[in-house]
Amino acid sequence: MKRNAFTLIELLAVIGILGILILAVVPNVIKIYNNALLKTMETQEANVKNASKLYVEDYCIDPIDNTYICPSSYENVVNNERYVCLNKLQSGSDKYIGNITYKNKSCTGVVVYTKDTSGSYSNSKTYLYCGYDEENNSYSYMTDPLLNVSKYSACNIVSVASTENCFAFDSSTGTITGYGYGWDEEYDELNASCPLYVNIPSKIGGVDVVTIGGSSFSRGEGENSVGKLIEITIPNSVVTIEGYAFEYNSLENVIIPNSVTSIESCAFRNNNLTSVVIPDSVMSIGYDAFSHNDLNSVTIGSGLSSISTNPFLNNPNLTNVVVDNNNPNYMSSNSAIYTKDGKTLILGNQTSANNILNTTTRIAQNAFSYNNLTTVTIPSSVTNIDDFAFYNNKLTSLTIPNSVVSIGDYTFYNNKLTNVSISNSVTSIGSFSFARNLIPQGSFLIDNNSSNISIGSYALYYNGTNGNTTITPTYLR
């Protein structure tokens, strides 16, 4: 008997097989489609970049000597970057490129580049933003969701990073307690689109931002830590910057508004700051607040009344320090910071090491640490040299004047001293004070006898010409 049709079971089996084939094939088809879309966008980005190069050559490069002279109406500059907006390339009689689309939705964008005086157009990069959804404040396609598009204001690119979502905020105290993109796994997942150029709002949810909380913008230690901030703008609503707030980022400059009264310990530690201006409003600066940067210039206003242990530690290129003459508590001389009476030297550097005021009686803790000093002249007015005062320098010889009574812990630790002469006025030498130097046996001379001087533990460890010998002092009488 001849069969003319499938049985129900056979039909269901065929449908099942087709379903399996579809499930196996469709993901691959979608993947191929998405890859093709990305390739298309890469091609369009390259086309826009080429168009911008032609634009710059036409309007900004002299055809005779090839120098870069761009008319102001065509020149857009952000820091050291130049940029050309996509809408500029698409407008006017000299249209350099047509419509750019993603899934039939129009794109806006910007080409960022650098130049030199010879007219070199280099390091160009295209950023496209396509299919803007106003209701959801989102794009269908973004070349780089982390780019701070607000820098390119002429290009009409809407910033889609939600301020409210990027900041963790305690509205009861007006304190920012966290920022969205960093080493914390929760932030990585929830706020990966938050920009690295951060414009802190003066209000969040209608509440004034008055405090930048401890560690709120801090990033993980190390070069490979993700989400290091590049630029930060602090509003004039902020009064307090708490400890560790911005440490371990890549900030190159920061403007502290005249509303801030307190900058706490380690607030800007381990960044790339080259200069800082402390406004008149700031009354206190905590220890290590600006340590481990690239500072060469510091200006301190008239309102500062409290400086903790050297807040500018480990900035060996810091040679220009100025305190406002109207400050009643501190003064500057030869780029060093002193108390107003000139008796305590709080911060010194290479500029001031051999120009210490002869009114100085105390060299404060960490005053000259990490400065690559090779020489220092201590005036005969000094009576106390505090802990870590000359820690980790390159001093080769040292004469302690007759006026000095006390030398603190770790004071000259880790230098390159080969001979030291201490007067009979010294009654106390702290622990590890001369450890890790190159002082040979018999070259640590004390003009005193052992019963009149207290020497702390390990004060002369790791010395000798080989750097691993514990030496004993030679008493001259």
Protein backbone atom coordinates (compact mmCIF):
# COMPACT_ATOMS: atom_id res chain seq x y z
CA MET A 1 0.00 0.00 0.00
CA LYS A 2 1.46 3.34 -1.09
CA ARG A 3 1.93 6.06 1.58
CA ASN A 4 0.77 9.54 0.54
CA ALA A 5 1.49 11.59 3.73
CA PHE A 6 3.54 11.83 6.94
CA THR A 7 2.08 10.48 10.10
CA LEU A 8 1.67 12.97 12.97
CA ILE A 9 4.66 11.49 14.79
CA GLU A 10 6.84 11.79 11.69
CA LEU A 11 5.70 15.38 11.16
CA LEU A 12 6.54 16.29 14.73
CA ALA A 13 9.95 14.66 14.34
CA VAL A 14 10.66 16.70 11.20
CA ILE A 15 9.59 19.91 13.00
CA GLY A 16 11.86 18.99 15.90
CA ILE A 17 14.83 18.43 13.59
CA LEU A 18 14.17 21.76 11.86
CA GLY A 19 13.98 23.48 15.26
CA ILE A 20 17.34 22.05 16.28
CA LEU A 21 18.86 23.18 12.98
CA ILE A 22 17.43 26.67 13.46
CA LEU A 23 18.76 26.89 17.03
CA ALA A 24 22.17 25.84 15.81
CA VAL A 25 22.27 28.13 12.79
CA VAL A 26 20.55 31.33 13.99
CA PRO A 27 23.17 32.33 16.60
CA ASN A 28 25.88 31.98 13.98
CA VAL A 29 23.84 34.03 11.53
CA ILE A 30 23.33 36.74 14.17
CA LYS A 31 27.02 36.67 15.00
CA ILE A 32 27.94 37.03 11.33
CA TYR A 33 25.46 39.89 10.98
CA ASN A 34 26.79 41.72 14.05
CA ASN A 35 30.37 41.27 12.92
CA ALA A 36 29.44 42.66 9.53
CA LEU A 37 27.84 45.67 11.23
CA LEU A 38 30.98 46.30 13.26
CA LYS A 39 33.12 46.03 10.13
CA THR A 40 30.82 48.52 8.44
CA MET A 41 31.20 50.93 11.36
CA GLU A 42 34.97 50.54 11.34
CA THR A 43 34.95 51.35 7.63
CA GLN A 44 32.76 54.39 8.21
CA GLU A 45 35.00 55.57 11.05
CA ALA A 46 38.01 55.30 8.73
CA ASN A 47 36.15 57.23 6.02
CA VAL A 48 35.30 60.01 8.46
CA LYS A 49 38.93 60.18 9.60
CA ASN A 50 40.12 60.49 6.00
CA ALA A 51 37.54 63.20 5.34
CA SER A 52 38.70 65.16 8.38
CA LYS A 53 42.30 64.98 7.18
CA LEU A 54 41.28 66.49 3.84
CA TYR A 55 39.32 69.17 5.71
CA VAL A 56 42.34 70.10 7.84
CA GLU A 57 44.65 70.13 4.83
CA ASP A 58 42.27 72.42 2.95
CA TYR A 59 41.61 74.93 5.72
CA CYS A 60 44.50 74.67 8.15
CA ILE A 61 47.70 73.76 6.30
CA ASP A 62 49.55 76.29 4.16
CA PRO A 63 50.13 74.67 0.74
CA ILE A 64 53.35 76.66 0.24
CA ASP A 65 55.41 75.77 3.31
CA ASN A 66 53.11 73.12 4.84
CA THR A 67 52.80 74.96 8.16
CA TYR A 68 49.69 74.67 10.30
CA ILE A 69 47.75 77.94 10.46
CA CYS A 70 44.10 77.22 11.09
CA PRO A 71 41.49 80.01 10.94
CA SER A 72 39.76 80.46 14.29
CA SER A 73 36.41 79.56 12.79
CA TYR A 74 37.75 76.09 11.96
CA GLU A 75 39.95 75.53 15.00
CA ASN A 76 38.57 73.56 17.96
CA VAL A 77 41.03 72.90 20.79
CA VAL A 78 40.70 70.91 24.03
CA ASN A 79 43.92 70.91 26.07
CA ASN A 80 46.51 69.78 23.50
CA GLU A 81 43.98 68.05 21.25
CA ARG A 82 42.32 69.36 18.10
CA TYR A 83 38.99 68.11 16.87
CA VAL A 84 36.71 68.24 13.85
CA CYS A 85 32.98 67.60 14.21
CA LEU A 86 31.26 65.21 11.83
CA ASN A 87 28.51 67.78 11.23
CA LYS A 88 31.16 70.24 10.01
CA LEU A 89 32.36 67.71 7.43
CA GLN A 90 28.78 67.20 6.22
CA SER A 91 27.76 70.86 5.90
CA GLY A 92 28.49 73.70 3.52
CA SER A 93 29.28 73.66 -0.18
CA ASP A 94 32.46 71.65 0.35
CA LYS A 95 30.81 68.55 1.73
CA TYR A 96 33.59 66.13 2.67
CA ILE A 97 31.42 63.14 3.50
CA GLY A 98 27.77 62.10 3.26
CA ASN A 99 25.43 60.61 5.84
CA ILE A 100 26.83 58.10 8.30
CA THR A 101 24.33 55.55 9.61
CA TYR A 102 24.01 52.52 11.83
CA LYS A 103 21.01 50.28 11.14
CA ASN A 104 19.54 53.13 9.09
CA LYS A 105 19.84 55.51 12.05
CA SER A 106 21.92 58.65 11.64
CA CYS A 107 25.19 59.23 13.45
CA THR A 108 26.93 62.21 14.93
CA GLY A 109 30.57 62.21 15.89
CA VAL A 110 34.00 63.77 16.24
CA VAL A 111 37.53 63.21 14.98
CA VAL A 112 40.21 63.98 17.58
CA TYR A 113 43.81 64.59 16.47
CA THR A 114 47.07 66.30 17.37
CA LYS A 115 49.34 68.54 15.32
CA ASP A 116 52.77 70.15 15.47
CA THR A 117 54.15 73.40 14.09
CA SER A 118 55.08 71.77 10.80
CA GLY A 119 51.45 70.91 10.16
CA SER A 120 51.69 67.24 10.98
CA TYR A 121 48.24 65.69 11.37
CA SER A 122 48.61 62.64 13.62
CA ASN A 123 47.09 60.40 16.28
CA SER A 124 43.65 60.86 14.75
CA LYS A 125 40.73 58.86 16.05
CA THR A 126 37.06 58.84 15.00
CA TYR A 127 34.25 58.54 17.54
CA LEU A 128 30.74 57.87 16.21
CA TYR A 129 27.47 57.98 18.17
CA CYS A 130 24.43 56.63 16.32
CA GLY A 131 20.72 56.21 16.85
CA TYR A 132 20.14 58.45 19.86
CA ASP A 133 17.06 57.47 21.89
CA GLU A 134 15.94 60.60 23.74
CA GLU A 135 13.46 58.78 25.97
CA ASN A 136 16.07 56.35 27.30
CA ASN A 137 19.06 58.69 26.89
CA SER A 138 21.02 56.06 24.98
CA TYR A 139 22.69 55.37 21.64
CA SER A 140 22.37 52.25 19.49
CA TYR A 141 26.08 52.44 18.71
CA MET A 142 28.98 54.19 20.46
CA THR A 143 32.62 53.96 19.42
CA ASP A 144 33.69 54.67 23.01
CA PRO A 145 31.05 54.91 25.76
CA LEU A 146 33.71 56.24 28.19
CA LEU A 147 34.69 59.27 26.10
CA ASN A 148 33.77 62.55 27.75
CA VAL A 149 31.86 63.97 24.78
CA SER A 150 31.04 67.16 26.68
CA LYS A 151 34.57 68.34 25.81
CA TYR A 152 33.53 68.54 22.15
CA SER A 153 30.62 70.91 22.63
CA ALA A 154 30.47 72.02 18.98
CA CYS A 155 29.68 68.50 17.80
CA ASN A 156 26.18 68.15 19.31
CA ILE A 157 26.89 64.77 20.88
CA VAL A 158 24.62 64.05 23.82
CA SER A 159 26.35 62.72 26.93
CA VAL A 160 24.52 59.56 27.99
CA ALA A 161 26.40 58.88 31.22
CA SER A 162 23.87 59.48 33.97
CA THR A 163 25.29 61.66 36.72
CA GLU A 164 22.86 60.21 39.19
CA ASN A 165 23.99 56.68 38.35
CA CYS A 166 27.72 57.44 38.37
CA PHE A 167 27.85 58.87 41.89
CA ALA A 168 27.08 57.10 45.13
CA PHE A 169 25.63 59.87 47.28
CA ASP A 170 24.50 60.23 50.89
CA SER A 171 21.81 62.90 50.65
CA SER A 172 21.53 63.19 54.44
CA THR A 173 25.08 64.60 54.67
CA GLY A 174 25.64 65.86 51.12
CA THR A 175 28.56 63.45 50.75
CA ILE A 176 29.72 61.67 47.60
CA THR A 177 30.75 58.22 48.80
CA GLY A 178 31.75 56.58 45.52
CA TYR A 179 32.14 56.94 41.79
CA GLY A 180 31.05 54.38 39.28
CA TYR A 181 33.96 53.05 37.27
CA GLY A 182 36.89 51.42 38.99
CA TRP A 183 38.42 48.37 40.54
CA ASP A 184 35.34 47.52 42.55
CA GLU A 185 33.45 44.69 40.82
CA GLU A 186 30.04 46.14 41.61
CA TYR A 187 30.94 49.47 40.01
CA ASP A 188 32.55 47.73 37.03
CA GLU A 189 29.30 45.96 36.25
CA LEU A 190 26.81 48.69 37.07
CA ASN A 191 28.52 51.87 35.88
CA ALA A 192 31.02 50.98 33.18
CA SER A 193 29.94 53.94 31.05
CA CYS A 194 30.92 56.62 33.58
CA PRO A 195 33.54 58.96 32.05
CA LEU A 196 37.14 59.34 33.22
CA TYR A 197 36.85 63.11 32.74
CA VAL A 198 34.61 63.86 35.72
CA ASN A 199 32.53 66.97 36.21
CA ILE A 200 31.25 66.68 39.77
CA PRO A 201 27.81 68.32 40.00
CA SER A 202 27.06 70.91 42.66
CA LYS A 203 23.76 69.14 43.39
CA ILE A 204 22.63 65.53 43.20
CA GLY A 205 18.92 64.89 43.47
CA GLY A 206 18.47 68.53 44.42
CA VAL A 207 20.85 68.23 47.41
CA ASP A 208 24.07 70.28 47.62
CA VAL A 209 27.30 68.32 47.30
CA VAL A 210 29.35 69.60 50.27
CA THR A 211 31.74 66.72 50.98
CA ILE A 212 33.82 64.47 48.75
CA GLY A 213 33.97 61.37 50.90
CA GLY A 214 36.99 59.35 51.91
CA SER A 215 38.30 57.11 49.08
CA SER A 216 35.23 57.99 47.00
CA PHE A 217 37.22 58.40 43.76
CA SER A 218 40.22 56.32 44.79
CA ARG A 219 41.45 53.68 42.37
CA GLY A 220 43.45 50.52 42.87
CA GLU A 221 47.20 50.81 43.28
CA GLY A 222 49.33 49.96 40.24
CA GLU A 223 49.73 50.96 36.61
CA ASN A 224 47.19 48.46 35.32
CA SER A 225 44.37 49.45 37.64
CA VAL A 226 41.26 50.19 35.59
CA GLY A 227 39.26 53.38 35.55
CA LYS A 228 41.96 55.88 36.52
CA LEU A 229 40.49 59.36 36.33
CA ILE A 230 42.18 61.83 33.98
CA GLU A 231 40.46 65.09 34.81
CA ILE A 232 38.25 66.26 37.65
CA THR A 233 36.17 69.40 38.12
CA ILE A 234 35.18 70.22 41.71
CA PRO A 235 32.14 72.50 42.18
CA ASN A 236 32.19 75.50 44.50
CA SER A 237 29.62 73.82 46.74
CA VAL A 238 32.28 71.48 48.17
CA VAL A 239 33.62 72.34 51.63
CA THR A 240 35.57 69.20 52.61
CA ILE A 241 37.73 66.81 50.60
CA GLU A 242 38.18 63.79 52.82
CA GLY A 243 41.14 61.45 53.11
CA TYR A 244 42.23 59.36 50.11
CA ALA A 245 39.44 60.88 48.03
CA PHE A 246 41.31 60.95 44.69
CA GLU A 247 44.41 58.85 45.36
CA TYR A 248 45.85 56.49 42.71
CA ASN A 249 44.44 58.21 39.64
CA SER A 250 46.03 59.93 36.64
CA LEU A 251 44.97 63.50 37.37
CA GLU A 252 47.28 66.02 35.70
CA ASN A 253 45.66 69.15 37.06
CA VAL A 254 42.99 70.08 39.55
CA ILE A 255 41.34 73.37 40.46
CA ILE A 256 40.36 73.56 44.11
CA PRO A 257 37.45 76.00 44.46
CA ASN A 258 37.44 78.79 47.01
CA SER A 259 34.67 77.02 48.95
CA VAL A 260 36.94 74.23 50.23
CA THR A 261 38.14 74.63 53.83
CA SER A 262 39.74 71.23 54.49
CA ILE A 263 41.86 68.86 52.39
CA GLU A 264 42.46 65.72 54.40
CA SER A 265 45.28 63.19 54.42
CA CYS A 266 46.33 61.52 51.15
CA ALA A 267 43.47 63.20 49.27
CA PHE A 268 45.41 63.56 45.99
CA ARG A 269 48.26 61.13 46.65
CA ASN A 270 49.77 59.24 43.69
CA ASN A 271 48.54 61.26 40.73
CA ASN A 272 50.33 63.20 37.98
CA LEU A 273 49.75 66.73 39.25
CA THR A 274 52.42 69.25 38.21
CA SER A 275 51.11 72.28 40.09
CA VAL A 276 48.53 73.08 42.72
CA VAL A 277 47.01 76.29 44.06
CA ILE A 278 45.60 76.15 47.59
CA PRO A 279 42.93 78.90 47.75
CA ASP A 280 42.50 81.35 50.62
CA SER A 281 39.50 79.38 51.92
CA VAL A 282 41.54 76.27 52.84
CA MET A 283 42.38 76.20 56.56
CA SER A 284 43.91 72.73 56.93
CA ILE A 285 45.88 70.24 54.82
CA GLY A 286 46.46 66.68 56.03
CA TYR A 287 49.62 64.60 55.77
CA ASP A 288 50.56 63.25 52.33
CA ALA A 289 47.65 65.18 50.80
CA PHE A 290 49.58 65.81 47.56
CA SER A 291 52.45 63.34 47.97
CA HIS A 292 53.85 61.19 45.16
CA ASN A 293 52.91 63.49 42.27
CA ASP A 294 55.02 65.41 39.73
CA LEU A 295 54.69 68.79 41.41
CA ASN A 296 57.04 71.60 40.48
CA SER A 297 54.92 74.48 41.78
CA VAL A 298 52.76 75.04 44.88
CA THR A 299 50.93 78.23 45.85
CA ILE A 300 49.35 78.51 49.31
CA GLY A 301 46.70 81.08 50.19
CA SER A 302 46.21 83.36 53.15
CA GLY A 303 43.78 81.20 55.14
CA LEU A 304 45.89 78.11 55.89
CA SER A 305 46.27 77.62 59.64
CA SER A 306 47.18 73.93 59.95
CA ILE A 307 49.66 71.87 57.93
CA SER A 308 50.17 68.26 58.92
CA THR A 309 53.38 66.30 58.26
CA ASN A 310 54.72 67.31 54.85
CA PRO A 311 51.62 67.15 52.60
CA PHE A 312 53.84 67.50 49.50
CA LEU A 313 56.12 64.55 50.26
CA ASN A 314 58.03 62.82 47.45
CA ASN A 315 57.85 65.53 44.82
CA PRO A 316 61.58 65.89 44.11
CA ASN A 317 61.01 68.42 41.32
CA LEU A 318 59.11 70.81 43.58
CA THR A 319 61.30 73.92 43.47
CA ASN A 320 58.75 76.74 43.43
CA VAL A 321 56.74 77.18 46.64
CA VAL A 322 55.01 80.44 47.54
CA VAL A 323 52.89 81.29 50.60
CA ASP A 324 50.66 84.36 50.48
CA ASN A 325 52.28 87.24 52.38
CA ASN A 326 48.98 87.85 54.19
CA ASN A 327 48.97 84.39 55.77
CA PRO A 328 49.32 84.97 59.54
CA ASN A 329 50.56 81.44 60.27
CA TYR A 330 53.09 80.51 57.60
CA MET A 331 55.65 82.10 55.31
CA SER A 332 57.89 81.02 52.43
CA SER A 333 61.55 81.72 51.78
CA ASN A 334 63.72 80.18 49.05
CA SER A 335 60.73 77.96 48.19
CA ALA A 336 60.60 76.47 51.69
CA ILE A 337 57.62 76.72 54.06
CA TYR A 338 58.20 77.99 57.60
CA THR A 339 56.03 78.95 60.53
CA LYS A 340 55.43 82.70 60.45
CA ASP A 341 58.15 83.35 63.04
CA GLY A 342 60.68 81.53 60.86
CA LYS A 343 61.55 79.07 63.63
CA THR A 344 60.19 75.80 62.21
CA LEU A 345 60.97 74.64 58.67
CA ILE A 346 57.99 72.56 57.56
CA LEU A 347 58.79 71.82 53.92
CA GLY A 348 62.11 72.10 52.14
CA ASN A 349 63.53 71.09 48.78
CA GLN A 350 66.64 71.29 46.62
CA THR A 351 66.25 75.06 46.30
CA SER A 352 66.26 75.66 50.04
CA ALA A 353 68.55 72.90 51.37
CA ASN A 354 71.60 75.17 51.47
CA ASN A 355 69.63 78.35 52.18
CA ILE A 356 67.87 77.53 55.44
CA LEU A 357 66.96 80.65 57.41
CA ASN A 358 69.28 81.36 60.34
CA THR A 359 66.19 81.87 62.52
CA THR A 360 65.31 78.17 62.19
CA THR A 361 65.38 76.16 65.42
CA ARG A 362 63.49 73.06 64.26
CA ILE A 363 63.51 71.08 61.01
CA ALA A 364 60.14 69.32 61.04
CA GLN A 365 59.25 65.71 60.34
CA ASN A 366 59.71 64.72 56.67
CA ALA A 367 60.73 68.28 55.78
CA PHE A 368 63.34 67.21 53.20
CA SER A 369 62.37 63.56 52.58
CA TYR A 370 62.57 62.17 49.03
CA ASN A 371 64.27 65.21 47.50
CA ASN A 372 67.41 63.71 45.93
CA LEU A 373 69.53 66.08 48.03
CA THR A 374 73.29 65.70 47.67
CA THR A 375 74.23 68.51 50.09
CA VAL A 376 72.65 70.38 52.98
CA THR A 377 73.79 73.22 55.19
CA ILE A 378 72.26 73.19 58.66
CA PRO A 379 72.56 76.62 60.33
CA SER A 380 73.87 77.02 63.87
CA SER A 381 70.43 78.14 65.06
CA VAL A 382 68.89 74.64 64.71
CA THR A 383 68.34 72.68 67.93
CA ASN A 384 66.03 69.86 66.80
CA ILE A 385 66.02 67.73 63.65
CA ASP A 386 62.83 65.68 63.71
CA ASP A 387 61.96 62.16 62.52
CA PHE A 388 62.48 61.37 58.82
CA ALA A 389 63.64 64.96 58.17
CA PHE A 390 66.24 63.92 55.55
CA TYR A 391 64.95 60.42 54.88
CA ASN A 392 65.84 58.83 51.52
CA ASN A 393 68.15 61.37 49.90
CA LYS A 394 71.68 61.24 48.44
CA LEU A 395 73.68 63.10 51.07
CA THR A 396 77.36 62.07 51.13
CA SER A 397 78.70 64.08 54.07
CA LEU A 398 77.18 65.85 57.03
CA THR A 399 78.19 68.28 59.74
CA ILE A 400 75.84 68.73 62.68
CA PRO A 401 76.36 72.20 64.24
CA ASN A 402 77.00 72.76 67.95
CA SER A 403 73.45 74.02 68.47
CA VAL A 404 71.70 70.69 67.73
CA VAL A 405 70.46 68.81 70.79
CA SER A 406 68.16 66.14 69.33
CA ILE A 407 68.17 64.01 66.15
CA GLY A 408 64.96 62.03 65.62
CA ASP A 409 64.19 58.52 64.36
CA TYR A 410 65.09 57.67 60.74
CA THR A 411 66.31 61.25 60.28
CA PHE A 412 69.14 60.47 57.82
CA TYR A 413 68.05 56.95 56.93
CA ASN A 414 68.93 55.68 53.43
CA ASN A 415 71.39 58.30 52.20
CA LYS A 416 74.96 57.87 50.92
CA LEU A 417 76.80 59.31 53.92
CA THR A 418 80.47 58.34 54.23
CA ASN A 419 81.40 60.54 57.19
CA VAL A 420 79.45 62.24 59.94
CA SER A 421 80.63 64.69 62.57
CA ILE A 422 78.40 65.34 65.59
CA SER A 423 79.08 68.06 68.14
CA ASN A 424 79.13 67.72 71.93
CA SER A 425 75.73 69.43 72.19
CA VAL A 426 73.79 66.40 70.90
CA THR A 427 72.18 64.39 73.69
CA SER A 428 69.80 62.17 71.71
CA ILE A 429 70.12 60.22 68.44
CA GLY A 430 66.96 58.33 67.44
CA SER A 431 66.42 54.78 66.23
CA PHE A 432 67.59 54.01 62.68
CA SER A 433 68.64 57.67 62.39
CA PHE A 434 71.79 56.90 60.34
CA ALA A 435 70.95 53.38 59.14
CA ARG A 436 71.45 52.37 55.50
CA ASN A 437 74.35 54.65 54.65
CA LEU A 438 77.97 54.00 53.64
CA ILE A 439 79.76 55.20 56.77
CA PRO A 440 83.00 53.21 57.31
CA GLN A 441 84.01 52.01 60.74
CA GLY A 442 85.70 54.90 62.53
CA SER A 443 84.04 57.65 60.47
CA PHE A 444 81.07 58.37 62.72
CA LEU A 445 82.61 60.93 65.05
CA ILE A 446 80.98 62.19 68.24
CA ASP A 447 82.63 64.97 70.22
CA ASN A 448 81.25 63.63 73.48
CA ASN A 449 81.45 60.59 75.74
CA SER A 450 78.98 57.73 75.83
CA SER A 451 77.53 58.64 79.21
CA ASN A 452 76.20 61.96 77.94
CA ILE A 453 74.37 60.80 74.82
CA SER A 454 71.44 58.47 74.13
CA ILE A 455 71.64 56.48 70.90
CA GLY A 456 68.50 54.67 69.76
CA SER A 457 68.31 51.09 68.56
CA TYR A 458 69.71 50.24 65.12
CA ALA A 459 70.87 53.85 64.67
CA LEU A 460 73.99 52.73 62.76
CA TYR A 461 72.76 49.52 61.11
CA TYR A 462 73.62 48.71 57.48
CA ASN A 463 76.67 50.92 57.03
CA GLY A 464 80.30 50.40 56.06
CA THR A 465 81.65 50.65 52.54
CA ASN A 466 79.62 47.57 51.59
CA GLY A 467 76.42 48.91 53.14
CA ASN A 468 75.82 45.85 55.35
CA THR A 469 77.93 46.53 58.44
CA THR A 470 76.76 47.79 61.81
CA ILE A 471 79.33 50.36 62.90
CA THR A 472 80.06 51.85 66.30
CA PRO A 473 80.61 55.56 66.98
CA THR A 474 84.06 56.96 67.66
CA TYR A 475 84.05 59.21 70.71
CA LEU A 476 86.61 61.97 70.48
CA ARG A 477 86.65 62.57 74.22
